[in-house]
Full PDB file with SEQRES, HELIX, SHEET, SSBOND, CRYST1, ORIGX, SCALE, CONECT and MASTER records, all heavy atoms in Angstrom:
SEQRES   1 A   36  GLY TRP TYR ARG GLN ALA LEU GLY LYS GLN ARG GLU LEU          
SEQRES   2 A   36  VAL ALA ARG ILE ILE ASN VAL ARG THR THR HIS TYR ALA          
SEQRES   3 A   36  ASP SER VAL LYS GLY ARG PHE THR ILE SER                      
SHEET    1 AA1 3 TRP A   2  ARG A   4  0                                        
SHEET    2 AA1 3 GLU A  12  ASN A  19 -1                                        
SHEET    3 AA1 3 THR A  22  TYR A  25 -1                                        
CRYST1    1.000    1.000    1.000  90.00  90.00  90.00 P 1           1          
ORIGX1      1.000000  0.000000  0.000000        0.00000                         
ORIGX2      0.000000  1.000000  0.000000        0.00000                         
ORIGX3      0.000000  0.000000  1.000000        0.00000                         
SCALE1      1.000000  0.000000  0.000000        0.00000                         
SCALE2      0.000000  1.000000  0.000000        0.00000                         
SCALE3      0.000000  0.000000  1.000000        0.00000                         
ATOM      1  N   GLY A   1     -14.347  75.207  17.030  1.00  0.00           N  
ATOM      2  CA  GLY A   1     -13.392  74.292  17.624  1.00  0.00           C  
ATOM      3  C   GLY A   1     -13.874  73.630  18.934  1.00  0.00           C  
ATOM      4  O   GLY A   1     -14.971  73.969  19.343  1.00  0.00           O  
ATOM      5  N   TRP A   2     -13.246  72.718  19.415  1.00  0.00           N  
ATOM      6  CA  TRP A   2     -13.432  72.113  20.645  1.00  0.00           C  
ATOM      7  C   TRP A   2     -12.172  72.232  21.601  1.00  0.00           C  
ATOM      8  O   TRP A   2     -11.115  72.096  21.219  1.00  0.00           O  
ATOM      9  CB  TRP A   2     -13.748  70.547  20.512  1.00  0.00           C  
ATOM     10  CG  TRP A   2     -14.999  70.281  19.758  1.00  0.00           C  
ATOM     11  CD1 TRP A   2     -15.180  70.005  18.492  1.00  0.00           C  
ATOM     12  CD2 TRP A   2     -16.262  70.073  20.496  1.00  0.00           C  
ATOM     13  NE1 TRP A   2     -16.461  69.737  18.282  1.00  0.00           N  
ATOM     14  CE2 TRP A   2     -17.218  69.792  19.485  1.00  0.00           C  
ATOM     15  CE3 TRP A   2     -16.730  70.193  21.783  1.00  0.00           C  
ATOM     16  CZ2 TRP A   2     -18.533  69.495  19.698  1.00  0.00           C  
ATOM     17  CZ3 TRP A   2     -18.016  69.940  22.079  1.00  0.00           C  
ATOM     18  CH2 TRP A   2     -18.946  69.626  21.008  1.00  0.00           C  
ATOM     19  N   TYR A   3     -12.601  72.609  22.925  1.00  0.00           N  
ATOM     20  CA  TYR A   3     -11.583  72.703  23.854  1.00  0.00           C  
ATOM     21  C   TYR A   3     -12.012  71.633  25.029  1.00  0.00           C  
ATOM     22  O   TYR A   3     -13.115  71.179  24.994  1.00  0.00           O  
ATOM     23  CB  TYR A   3     -11.573  74.098  24.476  1.00  0.00           C  
ATOM     24  CG  TYR A   3     -10.931  75.152  23.712  1.00  0.00           C  
ATOM     25  CD1 TYR A   3     -11.493  75.643  22.546  1.00  0.00           C  
ATOM     26  CD2 TYR A   3      -9.643  75.691  24.022  1.00  0.00           C  
ATOM     27  CE1 TYR A   3     -10.839  76.610  21.742  1.00  0.00           C  
ATOM     28  CE2 TYR A   3      -9.052  76.686  23.341  1.00  0.00           C  
ATOM     29  CZ  TYR A   3      -9.562  77.042  22.225  1.00  0.00           C  
ATOM     30  OH  TYR A   3      -8.969  78.026  21.334  1.00  0.00           O  
ATOM     31  N   ARG A   4     -11.092  71.385  25.852  1.00  0.00           N  
ATOM     32  CA  ARG A   4     -11.411  70.597  27.042  1.00  0.00           C  
ATOM     33  C   ARG A   4     -10.665  71.077  28.287  1.00  0.00           C  
ATOM     34  O   ARG A   4      -9.641  71.665  28.195  1.00  0.00           O  
ATOM     35  CB  ARG A   4     -11.078  69.140  26.738  1.00  0.00           C  
ATOM     36  CG  ARG A   4      -9.535  68.819  26.658  1.00  0.00           C  
ATOM     37  CD  ARG A   4      -9.424  67.370  26.269  1.00  0.00           C  
ATOM     38  NE  ARG A   4      -8.017  66.967  26.128  1.00  0.00           N  
ATOM     39  CZ  ARG A   4      -7.512  65.793  25.769  1.00  0.00           C  
ATOM     40  NH1 ARG A   4      -8.514  64.792  25.385  1.00  0.00           N  
ATOM     41  NH2 ARG A   4      -6.342  65.559  25.607  1.00  0.00           N  
ATOM     42  N   GLN A   5     -11.306  70.784  29.391  1.00  0.00           N  
ATOM     43  CA  GLN A   5     -10.642  71.264  30.754  1.00  0.00           C  
ATOM     44  C   GLN A   5     -10.720  70.065  31.683  1.00  0.00           C  
ATOM     45  O   GLN A   5     -11.925  69.697  31.999  1.00  0.00           O  
ATOM     46  CB  GLN A   5     -11.232  72.507  31.197  1.00  0.00           C  
ATOM     47  CG  GLN A   5     -10.531  72.953  32.462  1.00  0.00           C  
ATOM     48  CD  GLN A   5     -10.966  74.469  32.815  1.00  0.00           C  
ATOM     49  OE1 GLN A   5     -11.931  74.932  32.334  1.00  0.00           O  
ATOM     50  NE2 GLN A   5     -10.156  75.131  33.635  1.00  0.00           N  
ATOM     51  N   ALA A   6      -9.626  69.407  31.971  1.00  0.00           N  
ATOM     52  CA  ALA A   6      -9.665  68.398  33.010  1.00  0.00           C  
ATOM     53  C   ALA A   6      -9.687  69.048  34.335  1.00  0.00           C  
ATOM     54  O   ALA A   6      -9.093  70.249  34.527  1.00  0.00           O  
ATOM     55  CB  ALA A   6      -8.442  67.488  32.710  1.00  0.00           C  
ATOM     56  N   LEU A   7      -9.942  68.325  35.352  1.00  0.00           N  
ATOM     57  CA  LEU A   7     -10.057  68.867  36.763  1.00  0.00           C  
ATOM     58  C   LEU A   7      -8.575  69.260  37.155  1.00  0.00           C  
ATOM     59  O   LEU A   7      -7.661  68.490  37.127  1.00  0.00           O  
ATOM     60  CB  LEU A   7     -10.525  67.683  37.723  1.00  0.00           C  
ATOM     61  CG  LEU A   7     -10.971  68.208  38.995  1.00  0.00           C  
ATOM     62  CD1 LEU A   7     -12.202  69.077  38.948  1.00  0.00           C  
ATOM     63  CD2 LEU A   7     -11.396  66.970  39.899  1.00  0.00           C  
ATOM     64  N   GLY A   8      -8.522  70.461  37.588  1.00  0.00           N  
ATOM     65  CA  GLY A   8      -7.200  70.961  38.100  1.00  0.00           C  
ATOM     66  C   GLY A   8      -6.254  71.411  37.015  1.00  0.00           C  
ATOM     67  O   GLY A   8      -5.112  71.823  37.276  1.00  0.00           O  
ATOM     68  N   LYS A   9      -6.722  71.405  35.797  1.00  0.00           N  
ATOM     69  CA  LYS A   9      -5.854  71.796  34.637  1.00  0.00           C  
ATOM     70  C   LYS A   9      -6.478  72.894  33.859  1.00  0.00           C  
ATOM     71  O   LYS A   9      -7.604  73.248  33.921  1.00  0.00           O  
ATOM     72  CB  LYS A   9      -5.692  70.593  33.772  1.00  0.00           C  
ATOM     73  CG  LYS A   9      -4.817  69.448  34.316  1.00  0.00           C  
ATOM     74  CD  LYS A   9      -4.490  68.352  33.337  1.00  0.00           C  
ATOM     75  CE  LYS A   9      -3.706  67.288  33.938  1.00  0.00           C  
ATOM     76  NZ  LYS A   9      -3.345  66.189  32.950  1.00  0.00           N  
ATOM     77  N   GLN A  10      -5.607  73.502  33.079  1.00  0.00           N  
ATOM     78  CA  GLN A  10      -6.115  74.615  32.180  1.00  0.00           C  
ATOM     79  C   GLN A  10      -6.886  74.110  30.949  1.00  0.00           C  
ATOM     80  O   GLN A  10      -6.638  72.965  30.554  1.00  0.00           O  
ATOM     81  CB  GLN A  10      -4.967  75.498  31.668  1.00  0.00           C  
ATOM     82  CG  GLN A  10      -4.273  76.340  32.835  1.00  0.00           C  
ATOM     83  CD  GLN A  10      -3.179  77.288  32.240  1.00  0.00           C  
ATOM     84  OE1 GLN A  10      -2.544  77.046  31.272  1.00  0.00           O  
ATOM     85  NE2 GLN A  10      -3.061  78.400  32.962  1.00  0.00           N  
ATOM     86  N   ARG A  11      -7.774  74.976  30.527  1.00  0.00           N  
ATOM     87  CA  ARG A  11      -8.483  74.600  29.326  1.00  0.00           C  
ATOM     88  C   ARG A  11      -7.469  74.530  28.091  1.00  0.00           C  
ATOM     89  O   ARG A  11      -6.635  75.394  27.968  1.00  0.00           O  
ATOM     90  CB  ARG A  11      -9.600  75.642  29.018  1.00  0.00           C  
ATOM     91  CG  ARG A  11     -10.607  75.237  28.014  1.00  0.00           C  
ATOM     92  CD  ARG A  11     -11.714  76.200  27.810  1.00  0.00           C  
ATOM     93  NE  ARG A  11     -12.518  76.248  29.108  1.00  0.00           N  
ATOM     94  CZ  ARG A  11     -13.630  76.904  29.243  1.00  0.00           C  
ATOM     95  NH1 ARG A  11     -14.207  77.578  28.168  1.00  0.00           N  
ATOM     96  NH2 ARG A  11     -14.316  77.018  30.343  1.00  0.00           N  
ATOM     97  N   GLU A  12      -7.684  73.517  27.317  1.00  0.00           N  
ATOM     98  CA  GLU A  12      -6.761  73.416  26.160  1.00  0.00           C  
ATOM     99  C   GLU A  12      -7.592  73.179  24.894  1.00  0.00           C  
ATOM    100  O   GLU A  12      -8.619  72.568  24.863  1.00  0.00           O  
ATOM    101  CB  GLU A  12      -5.789  72.275  26.404  1.00  0.00           C  
ATOM    102  CG  GLU A  12      -6.455  70.904  26.506  1.00  0.00           C  
ATOM    103  CD  GLU A  12      -5.475  69.678  26.634  1.00  0.00           C  
ATOM    104  OE1 GLU A  12      -4.324  69.916  26.503  1.00  0.00           O  
ATOM    105  OE2 GLU A  12      -5.847  68.587  26.780  1.00  0.00           O  
ATOM    106  N   LEU A  13      -7.023  73.609  23.857  1.00  0.00           N  
ATOM    107  CA  LEU A  13      -7.503  73.342  22.451  1.00  0.00           C  
ATOM    108  C   LEU A  13      -7.393  71.926  22.002  1.00  0.00           C  
ATOM    109  O   LEU A  13      -6.300  71.284  22.230  1.00  0.00           O  
ATOM    110  CB  LEU A  13      -6.848  74.204  21.446  1.00  0.00           C  
ATOM    111  CG  LEU A  13      -7.371  74.015  20.052  1.00  0.00           C  
ATOM    112  CD1 LEU A  13      -8.799  74.375  19.801  1.00  0.00           C  
ATOM    113  CD2 LEU A  13      -6.427  74.782  18.997  1.00  0.00           C  
ATOM    114  N   VAL A  14      -8.483  71.278  21.656  1.00  0.00           N  
ATOM    115  CA  VAL A  14      -8.435  69.924  21.263  1.00  0.00           C  
ATOM    116  C   VAL A  14      -8.423  69.846  19.722  1.00  0.00           C  
ATOM    117  O   VAL A  14      -7.595  69.171  19.057  1.00  0.00           O  
ATOM    118  CB  VAL A  14      -9.703  69.144  21.651  1.00  0.00           C  
ATOM    119  CG1 VAL A  14      -9.719  67.689  21.096  1.00  0.00           C  
ATOM    120  CG2 VAL A  14      -9.786  69.156  23.272  1.00  0.00           C  
ATOM    121  N   ALA A  15      -9.351  70.598  19.109  1.00  0.00           N  
ATOM    122  CA  ALA A  15      -9.410  70.543  17.568  1.00  0.00           C  
ATOM    123  C   ALA A  15     -10.079  71.851  17.055  1.00  0.00           C  
ATOM    124  O   ALA A  15     -10.955  72.319  17.798  1.00  0.00           O  
ATOM    125  CB  ALA A  15     -10.078  69.278  17.066  1.00  0.00           C  
ATOM    126  N   ARG A  16      -9.689  72.241  15.901  1.00  0.00           N  
ATOM    127  CA  ARG A  16     -10.405  73.407  15.334  1.00  0.00           C  
ATOM    128  C   ARG A  16     -10.399  73.251  13.767  1.00  0.00           C  
ATOM    129  O   ARG A  16      -9.385  72.745  13.170  1.00  0.00           O  
ATOM    130  CB  ARG A  16      -9.618  74.658  15.687  1.00  0.00           C  
ATOM    131  CG  ARG A  16     -10.215  75.941  15.034  1.00  0.00           C  
ATOM    132  CD  ARG A  16      -9.583  77.194  15.623  1.00  0.00           C  
ATOM    133  NE  ARG A  16      -9.755  77.368  16.898  1.00  0.00           N  
ATOM    134  CZ  ARG A  16     -10.842  77.769  17.586  1.00  0.00           C  
ATOM    135  NH1 ARG A  16     -11.966  78.020  16.970  1.00  0.00           N  
ATOM    136  NH2 ARG A  16     -10.876  77.979  18.911  1.00  0.00           N  
ATOM    137  N   ILE A  17     -11.397  73.721  13.161  1.00  0.00           N  
ATOM    138  CA  ILE A  17     -11.587  73.831  11.711  1.00  0.00           C  
ATOM    139  C   ILE A  17     -11.043  75.152  11.301  1.00  0.00           C  
ATOM    140  O   ILE A  17     -11.653  76.232  11.684  1.00  0.00           O  
ATOM    141  CB  ILE A  17     -13.009  73.531  11.221  1.00  0.00           C  
ATOM    142  CG1 ILE A  17     -13.546  72.182  11.688  1.00  0.00           C  
ATOM    143  CG2 ILE A  17     -13.080  73.730   9.693  1.00  0.00           C  
ATOM    144  CD1 ILE A  17     -14.939  72.024  11.415  1.00  0.00           C  
ATOM    145  N   ILE A  18      -9.970  75.213  10.606  1.00  0.00           N  
ATOM    146  CA  ILE A  18      -9.373  76.541  10.079  1.00  0.00           C  
ATOM    147  C   ILE A  18     -10.045  76.910   8.769  1.00  0.00           C  
ATOM    148  O   ILE A  18     -10.533  78.011   8.691  1.00  0.00           O  
ATOM    149  CB  ILE A  18      -7.853  76.271   9.943  1.00  0.00           C  
ATOM    150  CG1 ILE A  18      -7.191  75.698  11.203  1.00  0.00           C  
ATOM    151  CG2 ILE A  18      -7.313  77.658   9.574  1.00  0.00           C  
ATOM    152  CD1 ILE A  18      -7.280  76.591  12.380  1.00  0.00           C  
ATOM    153  N   ASN A  19     -10.070  76.032   7.818  1.00  0.00           N  
ATOM    154  CA  ASN A  19     -10.693  76.326   6.532  1.00  0.00           C  
ATOM    155  C   ASN A  19     -10.998  75.058   5.859  1.00  0.00           C  
ATOM    156  O   ASN A  19     -10.897  73.918   6.532  1.00  0.00           O  
ATOM    157  CB  ASN A  19      -9.835  77.242   5.641  1.00  0.00           C  
ATOM    158  CG  ASN A  19      -8.380  76.582   5.439  1.00  0.00           C  
ATOM    159  OD1 ASN A  19      -8.282  75.456   5.131  1.00  0.00           O  
ATOM    160  ND2 ASN A  19      -7.379  77.414   5.645  1.00  0.00           N  
ATOM    161  N   VAL A  20     -11.381  75.075   4.614  1.00  0.00           N  
ATOM    162  CA  VAL A  20     -11.914  73.887   3.937  1.00  0.00           C  
ATOM    163  C   VAL A  20     -10.841  72.737   3.907  1.00  0.00           C  
ATOM    164  O   VAL A  20     -11.116  71.573   3.824  1.00  0.00           O  
ATOM    165  CB  VAL A  20     -12.369  74.185   2.511  1.00  0.00           C  
ATOM    166  CG1 VAL A  20     -11.322  74.646   1.556  1.00  0.00           C  
ATOM    167  CG2 VAL A  20     -13.210  72.992   1.895  1.00  0.00           C  
ATOM    168  N   ARG A  21      -9.560  73.191   3.965  1.00  0.00           N  
ATOM    169  CA  ARG A  21      -8.447  72.160   3.751  1.00  0.00           C  
ATOM    170  C   ARG A  21      -7.688  71.966   5.021  1.00  0.00           C  
ATOM    171  O   ARG A  21      -6.769  71.046   5.069  1.00  0.00           O  
ATOM    172  CB  ARG A  21      -7.570  72.565   2.639  1.00  0.00           C  
ATOM    173  CG  ARG A  21      -8.120  72.368   1.240  1.00  0.00           C  
ATOM    174  CD  ARG A  21      -6.956  72.690   0.194  1.00  0.00           C  
ATOM    175  NE  ARG A  21      -6.798  74.140   0.130  1.00  0.00           N  
ATOM    176  CZ  ARG A  21      -7.476  74.997  -0.536  1.00  0.00           C  
ATOM    177  NH1 ARG A  21      -8.495  74.554  -1.282  1.00  0.00           N  
ATOM    178  NH2 ARG A  21      -7.249  76.326  -0.407  1.00  0.00           N  
ATOM    179  N   THR A  22      -7.970  72.836   6.050  1.00  0.00           N  
ATOM    180  CA  THR A  22      -7.123  72.737   7.225  1.00  0.00           C  
ATOM    181  C   THR A  22      -7.803  72.552   8.505  1.00  0.00           C  
ATOM    182  O   THR A  22      -8.806  73.279   8.808  1.00  0.00           O  
ATOM    183  CB  THR A  22      -6.329  74.008   7.282  1.00  0.00           C  
ATOM    184  OG1 THR A  22      -5.635  74.283   6.046  1.00  0.00           O  
ATOM    185  CG2 THR A  22      -5.236  73.855   8.415  1.00  0.00           C  
ATOM    186  N   THR A  23      -7.398  71.584   9.216  1.00  0.00           N  
ATOM    187  CA  THR A  23      -7.896  71.385  10.628  1.00  0.00           C  
ATOM    188  C   THR A  23      -6.645  71.305  11.452  1.00  0.00           C  
ATOM    189  O   THR A  23      -5.635  70.881  11.129  1.00  0.00           O  
ATOM    190  CB  THR A  23      -8.784  70.120  10.795  1.00  0.00           C  
ATOM    191  OG1 THR A  23      -8.039  68.989  10.207  1.00  0.00           O  
ATOM    192  CG2 THR A  23     -10.043  70.221  10.051  1.00  0.00           C  
ATOM    193  N   HIS A  24      -6.844  71.660  12.782  1.00  0.00           N  
ATOM    194  CA  HIS A  24      -5.790  71.591  13.684  1.00  0.00           C  
ATOM    195  C   HIS A  24      -6.105  70.656  14.851  1.00  0.00           C  
ATOM    196  O   HIS A  24      -7.377  70.688  15.367  1.00  0.00           O  
ATOM    197  CB  HIS A  24      -5.462  73.050  14.261  1.00  0.00           C  
ATOM    198  CG  HIS A  24      -4.514  72.993  15.376  1.00  0.00           C  
ATOM    199  ND1 HIS A  24      -3.143  72.930  15.236  1.00  0.00           N  
ATOM    200  CD2 HIS A  24      -4.661  73.053  16.719  1.00  0.00           C  
ATOM    201  CE1 HIS A  24      -2.556  72.809  16.386  1.00  0.00           C  
ATOM    202  NE2 HIS A  24      -3.453  72.947  17.380  1.00  0.00           N  
ATOM    203  N   TYR A  25      -5.204  69.914  15.338  1.00  0.00           N  
ATOM    204  CA  TYR A  25      -5.500  68.960  16.485  1.00  0.00           C  
ATOM    205  C   TYR A  25      -4.339  69.052  17.345  1.00  0.00           C  
ATOM    206  O   TYR A  25      -3.191  69.272  16.998  1.00  0.00           O  
ATOM    207  CB  TYR A  25      -5.572  67.538  15.922  1.00  0.00           C  
ATOM    208  CG  TYR A  25      -6.731  67.190  15.044  1.00  0.00           C  
ATOM    209  CD1 TYR A  25      -6.548  67.311  13.719  1.00  0.00           C  
ATOM    210  CD2 TYR A  25      -7.975  66.976  15.609  1.00  0.00           C  
ATOM    211  CE1 TYR A  25      -7.701  66.986  12.894  1.00  0.00           C  
ATOM    212  CE2 TYR A  25      -9.105  66.587  14.743  1.00  0.00           C  
ATOM    213  CZ  TYR A  25      -8.938  66.688  13.443  1.00  0.00           C  
ATOM    214  OH  TYR A  25     -10.020  66.408  12.611  1.00  0.00           O  
ATOM    215  N   ALA A  26      -4.669  68.890  18.698  1.00  0.00           N  
ATOM    216  CA  ALA A  26      -3.618  68.713  19.666  1.00  0.00           C  
ATOM    217  C   ALA A  26      -2.919  67.471  19.443  1.00  0.00           C  
ATOM    218  O   ALA A  26      -3.423  66.489  18.995  1.00  0.00           O  
ATOM    219  CB  ALA A  26      -4.316  68.774  21.049  1.00  0.00           C  
ATOM    220  N   ASP A  27      -1.627  67.476  19.754  1.00  0.00           N  
ATOM    221  CA  ASP A  27      -0.857  66.309  19.486  1.00  0.00           C  
ATOM    222  C   ASP A  27      -1.375  65.107  20.226  1.00  0.00           C  
ATOM    223  O   ASP A  27      -1.318  63.984  19.698  1.00  0.00           O  
ATOM    224  CB  ASP A  27       0.572  66.518  19.955  1.00  0.00           C  
ATOM    225  CG  ASP A  27       1.389  67.547  19.093  1.00  0.00           C  
ATOM    226  OD1 ASP A  27       0.910  67.721  17.940  1.00  0.00           O  
ATOM    227  OD2 ASP A  27       2.447  68.080  19.545  1.00  0.00           O  
ATOM    228  N   SER A  28      -1.966  65.364  21.391  1.00  0.00           N  
ATOM    229  CA  SER A  28      -2.425  64.147  22.218  1.00  0.00           C  
ATOM    230  C   SER A  28      -3.656  63.498  21.483  1.00  0.00           C  
ATOM    231  O   SER A  28      -4.062  62.377  22.005  1.00  0.00           O  
ATOM    232  CB  SER A  28      -2.758  64.611  23.621  1.00  0.00           C  
ATOM    233  OG  SER A  28      -3.735  65.685  23.521  1.00  0.00           O  
ATOM    234  N   VAL A  29      -4.357  64.136  20.572  1.00  0.00           N  
ATOM    235  CA  VAL A  29      -5.545  63.438  20.071  1.00  0.00           C  
ATOM    236  C   VAL A  29      -5.384  63.173  18.574  1.00  0.00           C  
ATOM    237  O   VAL A  29      -6.271  62.527  17.957  1.00  0.00           O  
ATOM    238  CB  VAL A  29      -6.764  64.404  20.240  1.00  0.00           C  
ATOM    239  CG1 VAL A  29      -6.953  64.744  21.779  1.00  0.00           C  
ATOM    240  CG2 VAL A  29      -6.762  65.668  19.416  1.00  0.00           C  
ATOM    241  N   LYS A  30      -4.263  63.548  17.965  1.00  0.00           N  
ATOM    242  CA  LYS A  30      -4.049  63.301  16.529  1.00  0.00           C  
ATOM    243  C   LYS A  30      -4.141  61.815  16.262  1.00  0.00           C  
ATOM    244  O   LYS A  30      -3.624  61.014  16.887  1.00  0.00           O  
ATOM    245  CB  LYS A  30      -2.644  63.878  16.078  1.00  0.00           C  
ATOM    246  CG  LYS A  30      -2.661  65.262  15.915  1.00  0.00           C  
ATOM    247  CD  LYS A  30      -1.261  65.702  15.298  1.00  0.00           C  
ATOM    248  CE  LYS A  30      -1.182  67.242  15.236  1.00  0.00           C  
ATOM    249  NZ  LYS A  30       0.182  67.684  14.963  1.00  0.00           N  
ATOM    250  N   GLY A  31      -4.929  61.434  15.202  1.00  0.00           N  
ATOM    251  CA  GLY A  31      -5.177  60.121  14.799  1.00  0.00           C  
ATOM    252  C   GLY A  31      -6.308  59.381  15.493  1.00  0.00           C  
ATOM    253  O   GLY A  31      -6.705  58.349  15.114  1.00  0.00           O  
ATOM    254  N   ARG A  32      -6.827  60.072  16.643  1.00  0.00           N  
ATOM    255  CA  ARG A  32      -7.903  59.491  17.339  1.00  0.00           C  
ATOM    256  C   ARG A  32      -9.219  60.300  17.262  1.00  0.00           C  
ATOM    257  O   ARG A  32     -10.269  59.699  17.302  1.00  0.00           O  
ATOM    258  CB  ARG A  32      -7.468  59.362  18.812  1.00  0.00           C  
ATOM    259  CG  ARG A  32      -6.301  58.466  19.072  1.00  0.00           C  
ATOM    260  CD  ARG A  32      -6.065  58.200  20.512  1.00  0.00           C  
ATOM    261  NE  ARG A  32      -5.834  59.396  21.299  1.00  0.00           N  
ATOM    262  CZ  ARG A  32      -6.577  59.897  22.241  1.00  0.00           C  
ATOM    263  NH1 ARG A  32      -7.619  59.131  22.686  1.00  0.00           N  
ATOM    264  NH2 ARG A  32      -6.264  61.018  22.890  1.00  0.00           N  
ATOM    265  N   PHE A  33      -9.070  61.574  17.197  1.00  0.00           N  
ATOM    266  CA  PHE A  33     -10.177  62.438  17.074  1.00  0.00           C  
ATOM    267  C   PHE A  33     -10.411  63.099  15.680  1.00  0.00           C  
ATOM    268  O   PHE A  33      -9.354  63.356  15.064  1.00  0.00           O  
ATOM    269  CB  PHE A  33     -10.044  63.629  18.119  1.00  0.00           C  
ATOM    270  CG  PHE A  33     -10.155  63.200  19.609  1.00  0.00           C  
ATOM    271  CD1 PHE A  33     -10.137  61.897  19.933  1.00  0.00           C  
ATOM    272  CD2 PHE A  33     -10.257  64.113  20.560  1.00  0.00           C  
ATOM    273  CE1 PHE A  33     -10.204  61.466  21.323  1.00  0.00           C  
ATOM    274  CE2 PHE A  33     -10.303  63.833  21.877  1.00  0.00           C  
ATOM    275  CZ  PHE A  33     -10.338  62.508  22.193  1.00  0.00           C  
ATOM    276  N   THR A  34     -11.610  63.315  15.329  1.00  0.00           N  
ATOM    277  CA  THR A  34     -11.831  64.016  14.061  1.00  0.00           C  
ATOM    278  C   THR A  34     -12.923  65.067  14.256  1.00  0.00           C  
ATOM    279  O   THR A  34     -14.038  64.797  14.826  1.00  0.00           O  
ATOM    280  CB  THR A  34     -12.350  62.939  13.077  1.00  0.00           C  
ATOM    281  OG1 THR A  34     -11.421  62.009  12.867  1.00  0.00           O  
ATOM    282  CG2 THR A  34     -12.530  63.681  11.625  1.00  0.00           C  
ATOM    283  N   ILE A  35     -12.619  66.312  13.861  1.00  0.00           N  
ATOM    284  CA  ILE A  35     -13.563  67.393  13.855  1.00  0.00           C  
ATOM    285  C   ILE A  35     -14.271  67.582  12.495  1.00  0.00           C  
ATOM    286  O   ILE A  35     -13.499  67.372  11.575  1.00  0.00           O  
ATOM    287  CB  ILE A  35     -12.973  68.701  14.382  1.00  0.00           C  
ATOM    288  CG1 ILE A  35     -14.017  69.736  14.628  1.00  0.00           C  
ATOM    289  CG2 ILE A  35     -11.916  69.139  13.366  1.00  0.00           C  
ATOM    290  CD1 ILE A  35     -13.479  71.000  15.353  1.00  0.00           C  
ATOM    291  N   SER A  36     -15.516  67.802  12.571  1.00  0.00           N  
ATOM    292  CA  SER A  36     -16.242  68.028  11.331  1.00  0.00           C  
ATOM    293  C   SER A  36     -17.430  68.978  11.521  1.00  0.00           C  
ATOM    294  O   SER A  36     -17.732  69.297  12.717  1.00  0.00           O  
ATOM    295  CB  SER A  36     -16.735  66.722  10.688  1.00  0.00           C  
ATOM    296  OG  SER A  36     -17.664  66.090  11.567  1.00  0.00           O  
TER     297      SER A  36                                                      
MASTER        0    0    0    0    3    0    0    6  296    1    0    3          
END                                                                             
């Protein structure tokens, strides 16, 4: 997976590959980011 941490904020999950059919995205990046 990928996480990110902005200045002054907590680290948050951006995207993760769960299995061959399932990926998880933070709501803020859905439709814009793709993990592979």
